[in-house]
Amino acid sequence: MSFRTLFDRSARDPTPIPDGGQRVGCFTGKSQGRAEAGRSVFNGKGVCYYCHGMDGYRDKLPQLAADTAALIAQLNPQPADLRNPKSLHLKTDKQRARIIREGHPGTGMFPDTTMTDQELADTLAYLAQLRREGAAGKP
């Protein structure tokens, strides 16, 4: 599946989630996130790794179709370095959840309406782990 297909699908998929809410904007922050489960979402279903790199390492991009790789390489601004807390502008999980759900205008960050609330909470826990590792200088 191409990057463009993912963007188009997620932007128009208001599929109900199991608890009856809508995927877009339904994150309440009440779910306790599990970083290891979030790692699986980040590097899998969430396709975060397409732009942010495997495990948040910007220099470890996956093998992608040539047109998808070219599109990502042209993004301006470039995707955030999730392991560098000093370069990150979003300071709360509420802000991060909103950007994941709704996208970030003016960037290549498209909305992801396919994650459940639990998957989003898990992904946020994993992003927190990446920030901690980056602040501690861990590779």
C-alpha atoms as a PDB file:
ATOM      1  CA  MET A   1       0.000   0.000   0.000  1.00  0.00           C
ATOM      2  CA  SER A   2       1.402   3.397  -0.903  1.00  0.00           C
ATOM      3  CA  PHE A   3       1.869   6.358   1.397  1.00  0.00           C
ATOM      4  CA  ARG A   4      -0.713   8.338  -0.613  1.00  0.00           C
ATOM      5  CA  THR A   5      -3.242   5.488  -0.294  1.00  0.00           C
ATOM      6  CA  LEU A   6      -2.714   5.436   3.464  1.00  0.00           C
ATOM      7  CA  PHE A   7      -3.227   9.192   3.655  1.00  0.00           C
ATOM      8  CA  ASP A   8      -6.384   9.107   1.559  1.00  0.00           C
ATOM      9  CA  ARG A   9      -7.855   6.162   3.481  1.00  0.00           C
ATOM     10  CA  SER A  10      -7.157   7.522   6.954  1.00  0.00           C
ATOM     11  CA  ALA A  11      -8.522  10.966   6.107  1.00  0.00           C
ATOM     12  CA  ARG A  12     -11.932   9.584   5.222  1.00  0.00           C
ATOM     13  CA  ASP A  13     -12.332   6.589   7.577  1.00  0.00           C
ATOM     14  CA  PRO A  14     -14.611   7.606  10.487  1.00  0.00           C
ATOM     15  CA  THR A  15     -15.258   3.907  11.254  1.00  0.00           C
ATOM     16  CA  PRO A  16     -16.804   3.353  14.683  1.00  0.00           C
ATOM     17  CA  ILE A  17     -14.478   1.802  17.222  1.00  0.00           C
ATOM     18  CA  PRO A  18     -15.583  -0.998  19.585  1.00  0.00           C
ATOM     19  CA  ASP A  19     -16.670   1.341  22.401  1.00  0.00           C
ATOM     20  CA  GLY A  20     -19.046   3.133  20.019  1.00  0.00           C
ATOM     21  CA  GLY A  21     -17.052   6.386  19.720  1.00  0.00           C
ATOM     22  CA  GLN A  22     -15.571   7.809  16.537  1.00  0.00           C
ATOM     23  CA  ARG A  23     -11.895   7.305  15.806  1.00  0.00           C
ATOM     24  CA  VAL A  24     -11.196  10.973  15.126  1.00  0.00           C
ATOM     25  CA  GLY A  25     -10.888  13.053  18.269  1.00  0.00           C
ATOM     26  CA  CYS A  26     -12.126  10.362  20.664  1.00  0.00           C
ATOM     27  CA  PHE A  27      -8.908   9.910  22.667  1.00  0.00           C
ATOM     28  CA  THR A  28      -9.705  10.564  26.303  1.00  0.00           C
ATOM     29  CA  GLY A  29      -6.314   9.828  27.827  1.00  0.00           C
ATOM     30  CA  LYS A  30      -7.922   7.435  30.293  1.00  0.00           C
ATOM     31  CA  SER A  31      -6.262   4.338  28.822  1.00  0.00           C
ATOM     32  CA  GLN A  32      -2.958   3.322  30.377  1.00  0.00           C
ATOM     33  CA  GLY A  33      -0.416   2.940  27.593  1.00  0.00           C
ATOM     34  CA  ARG A  34       2.084   0.110  27.261  1.00  0.00           C
ATOM     35  CA  ALA A  35       5.303   1.180  25.528  1.00  0.00           C
ATOM     36  CA  GLU A  36       6.121  -2.256  24.089  1.00  0.00           C
ATOM     37  CA  ALA A  37       2.662  -2.515  22.518  1.00  0.00           C
ATOM     38  CA  GLY A  38       3.111   1.050  21.225  1.00  0.00           C
ATOM     39  CA  ARG A  39       6.395   0.027  19.621  1.00  0.00           C
ATOM     40  CA  SER A  40       4.491  -2.604  17.633  1.00  0.00           C
ATOM     41  CA  VAL A  41       1.933  -0.020  16.486  1.00  0.00           C
ATOM     42  CA  PHE A  42       4.655   2.541  15.652  1.00  0.00           C
ATOM     43  CA  ASN A  43       6.654   0.035  13.582  1.00  0.00           C
ATOM     44  CA  GLY A  44       3.585  -1.657  12.110  1.00  0.00           C
ATOM     45  CA  LYS A  45      -0.064  -0.695  11.729  1.00  0.00           C
ATOM     46  CA  GLY A  46       0.545   2.985  12.513  1.00  0.00           C
ATOM     47  CA  VAL A  47       3.183   3.262   9.750  1.00  0.00           C
ATOM     48  CA  CYS A  48       4.901   5.947  11.838  1.00  0.00           C
ATOM     49  CA  TYR A  49       8.234   4.360  10.910  1.00  0.00           C
ATOM     50  CA  TYR A  50       7.731   5.250   7.233  1.00  0.00           C
ATOM     51  CA  CYS A  51       8.728   8.847   8.018  1.00  0.00           C
ATOM     52  CA  HIS A  52      10.159   8.761  11.558  1.00  0.00           C
ATOM     53  CA  GLY A  53      12.296   5.636  11.021  1.00  0.00           C
ATOM     54  CA  MET A  54      12.319   2.236  12.677  1.00  0.00           C
ATOM     55  CA  ASP A  55      12.091   2.721  16.429  1.00  0.00           C
ATOM     56  CA  GLY A  56      12.294   6.479  15.866  1.00  0.00           C
ATOM     57  CA  TYR A  57      15.756   6.379  14.279  1.00  0.00           C
ATOM     58  CA  ARG A  58      15.468   8.777  11.346  1.00  0.00           C
ATOM     59  CA  ASP A  59      18.403   7.091   9.576  1.00  0.00           C
ATOM     60  CA  LYS A  60      16.709   3.653   9.690  1.00  0.00           C
ATOM     61  CA  LEU A  61      13.906   4.015   7.168  1.00  0.00           C
ATOM     62  CA  PRO A  62      12.226   0.838   5.925  1.00  0.00           C
ATOM     63  CA  GLN A  63      12.385  -0.483   2.365  1.00  0.00           C
ATOM     64  CA  LEU A  64       9.576   1.375   0.608  1.00  0.00           C
ATOM     65  CA  ALA A  65       8.267   1.605  -2.924  1.00  0.00           C
ATOM     66  CA  ALA A  66      10.363   4.084  -4.907  1.00  0.00           C
ATOM     67  CA  ASP A  67       7.519   6.605  -5.277  1.00  0.00           C
ATOM     68  CA  THR A  68       6.751   6.473  -1.547  1.00  0.00           C
ATOM     69  CA  ALA A  69      10.414   6.913  -0.572  1.00  0.00           C
ATOM     70  CA  ALA A  70      10.712   9.858  -2.983  1.00  0.00           C
ATOM     71  CA  LEU A  71       7.617  11.515  -1.540  1.00  0.00           C
ATOM     72  CA  ILE A  72       8.908  11.158   2.027  1.00  0.00           C
ATOM     73  CA  ALA A  73      12.357  12.472   1.043  1.00  0.00           C
ATOM     74  CA  GLN A  74      10.708  15.632  -0.319  1.00  0.00           C
ATOM     75  CA  LEU A  75       8.745  16.444   2.835  1.00  0.00           C
ATOM     76  CA  ASN A  76       9.339  19.988   4.018  1.00  0.00           C
ATOM     77  CA  PRO A  77       9.588  20.305   6.908  1.00  0.00           C
ATOM     78  CA  GLN A  78      11.214  16.925   7.451  1.00  0.00           C
ATOM     79  CA  PRO A  79       9.496  14.580   9.942  1.00  0.00           C
ATOM     80  CA  ALA A  80      10.298  15.257  13.592  1.00  0.00           C
ATOM     81  CA  ASP A  81      13.248  13.512  15.226  1.00  0.00           C
ATOM     82  CA  LEU A  82      11.296  11.746  17.957  1.00  0.00           C
ATOM     83  CA  ARG A  83      14.458  10.857  19.878  1.00  0.00           C
ATOM     84  CA  ASN A  84      15.506  14.494  20.259  1.00  0.00           C
ATOM     85  CA  PRO A  85      13.274  16.069  22.930  1.00  0.00           C
ATOM     86  CA  LYS A  86      14.896  19.476  22.383  1.00  0.00           C
ATOM     87  CA  SER A  87      13.593  19.610  18.804  1.00  0.00           C
ATOM     88  CA  LEU A  88      10.025  18.602  19.641  1.00  0.00           C
ATOM     89  CA  HIS A  89       7.379  21.307  19.899  1.00  0.00           C
ATOM     90  CA  LEU A  90       4.449  19.317  21.295  1.00  0.00           C
ATOM     91  CA  LYS A  91       4.715  19.133  25.075  1.00  0.00           C
ATOM     92  CA  THR A  92       1.672  17.123  26.206  1.00  0.00           C
ATOM     93  CA  ASP A  93       0.141  13.770  25.304  1.00  0.00           C
ATOM     94  CA  LYS A  94      -3.110  15.572  24.555  1.00  0.00           C
ATOM     95  CA  GLN A  95      -1.311  17.649  21.892  1.00  0.00           C
ATOM     96  CA  ARG A  96       0.443  14.561  20.512  1.00  0.00           C
ATOM     97  CA  ALA A  97      -2.818  12.570  20.393  1.00  0.00           C
ATOM     98  CA  ARG A  98      -4.534  15.371  18.499  1.00  0.00           C
ATOM     99  CA  ILE A  99      -1.758  15.551  15.892  1.00  0.00           C
ATOM    100  CA  ILE A 100      -1.818  11.772  15.435  1.00  0.00           C
ATOM    101  CA  ARG A 101      -5.602  11.739  15.059  1.00  0.00           C
ATOM    102  CA  GLU A 102      -6.044  14.929  13.006  1.00  0.00           C
ATOM    103  CA  GLY A 103      -2.707  15.352  11.252  1.00  0.00           C
ATOM    104  CA  HIS A 104      -0.475  18.420  11.310  1.00  0.00           C
ATOM    105  CA  PRO A 105      -1.278  21.029   8.633  1.00  0.00           C
ATOM    106  CA  GLY A 106       1.744  22.324   6.762  1.00  0.00           C
ATOM    107  CA  THR A 107       3.675  19.086   7.281  1.00  0.00           C
ATOM    108  CA  GLY A 108       3.555  15.563   5.909  1.00  0.00           C
ATOM    109  CA  MET A 109       1.934  14.293   9.108  1.00  0.00           C
ATOM    110  CA  PHE A 110      -1.390  12.904   7.956  1.00  0.00           C
ATOM    111  CA  PRO A 111      -4.303  11.936  10.221  1.00  0.00           C
ATOM    112  CA  ASP A 112      -4.466   8.370  11.509  1.00  0.00           C
ATOM    113  CA  THR A 113      -8.046   7.381  12.155  1.00  0.00           C
ATOM    114  CA  THR A 114      -7.322   3.656  12.237  1.00  0.00           C
ATOM    115  CA  MET A 115      -5.835   3.419  15.749  1.00  0.00           C
ATOM    116  CA  THR A 116      -8.048   2.456  18.632  1.00  0.00           C
ATOM    117  CA  ASP A 117      -7.822   4.495  21.836  1.00  0.00           C
ATOM    118  CA  GLN A 118      -5.708   1.739  23.391  1.00  0.00           C
ATOM    119  CA  GLU A 119      -3.327   1.678  20.434  1.00  0.00           C
ATOM    120  CA  LEU A 120      -3.020   5.453  20.636  1.00  0.00           C
ATOM    121  CA  ALA A 121      -2.319   5.306  24.386  1.00  0.00           C
ATOM    122  CA  ASP A 122       0.290   2.596  23.740  1.00  0.00           C
ATOM    123  CA  THR A 123       1.898   4.674  20.989  1.00  0.00           C
ATOM    124  CA  LEU A 124       2.032   7.724  23.270  1.00  0.00           C
ATOM    125  CA  ALA A 125       3.741   5.588  25.939  1.00  0.00           C
ATOM    126  CA  TYR A 126       6.275   4.463  23.340  1.00  0.00           C
ATOM    127  CA  LEU A 127       6.891   8.062  22.205  1.00  0.00           C
ATOM    128  CA  ALA A 128       7.573   8.981  25.851  1.00  0.00           C
ATOM    129  CA  GLN A 129      10.119   6.155  26.001  1.00  0.00           C
ATOM    130  CA  LEU A 130      11.830   7.464  22.851  1.00  0.00           C
ATOM    131  CA  ARG A 131      12.049  10.963  24.357  1.00  0.00           C
ATOM    132  CA  ARG A 132      13.530   9.574  27.595  1.00  0.00           C
ATOM    133  CA  GLU A 133      16.089   7.503  25.686  1.00  0.00           C
ATOM    134  CA  GLY A 134      17.007  10.515  23.544  1.00  0.00           C
ATOM    135  CA  ALA A 135      17.409  12.768  26.592  1.00  0.00           C
ATOM    136  CA  ALA A 136      19.622  10.161  28.257  1.00  0.00           C
ATOM    137  CA  GLY A 137      21.739   9.841  25.105  1.00  0.00           C
ATOM    138  CA  LYS A 138      20.858   6.180  24.634  1.00  0.00           C
ATOM    139  CA  PRO A 139      21.217   4.874  21.099  1.00  0.00           C
END
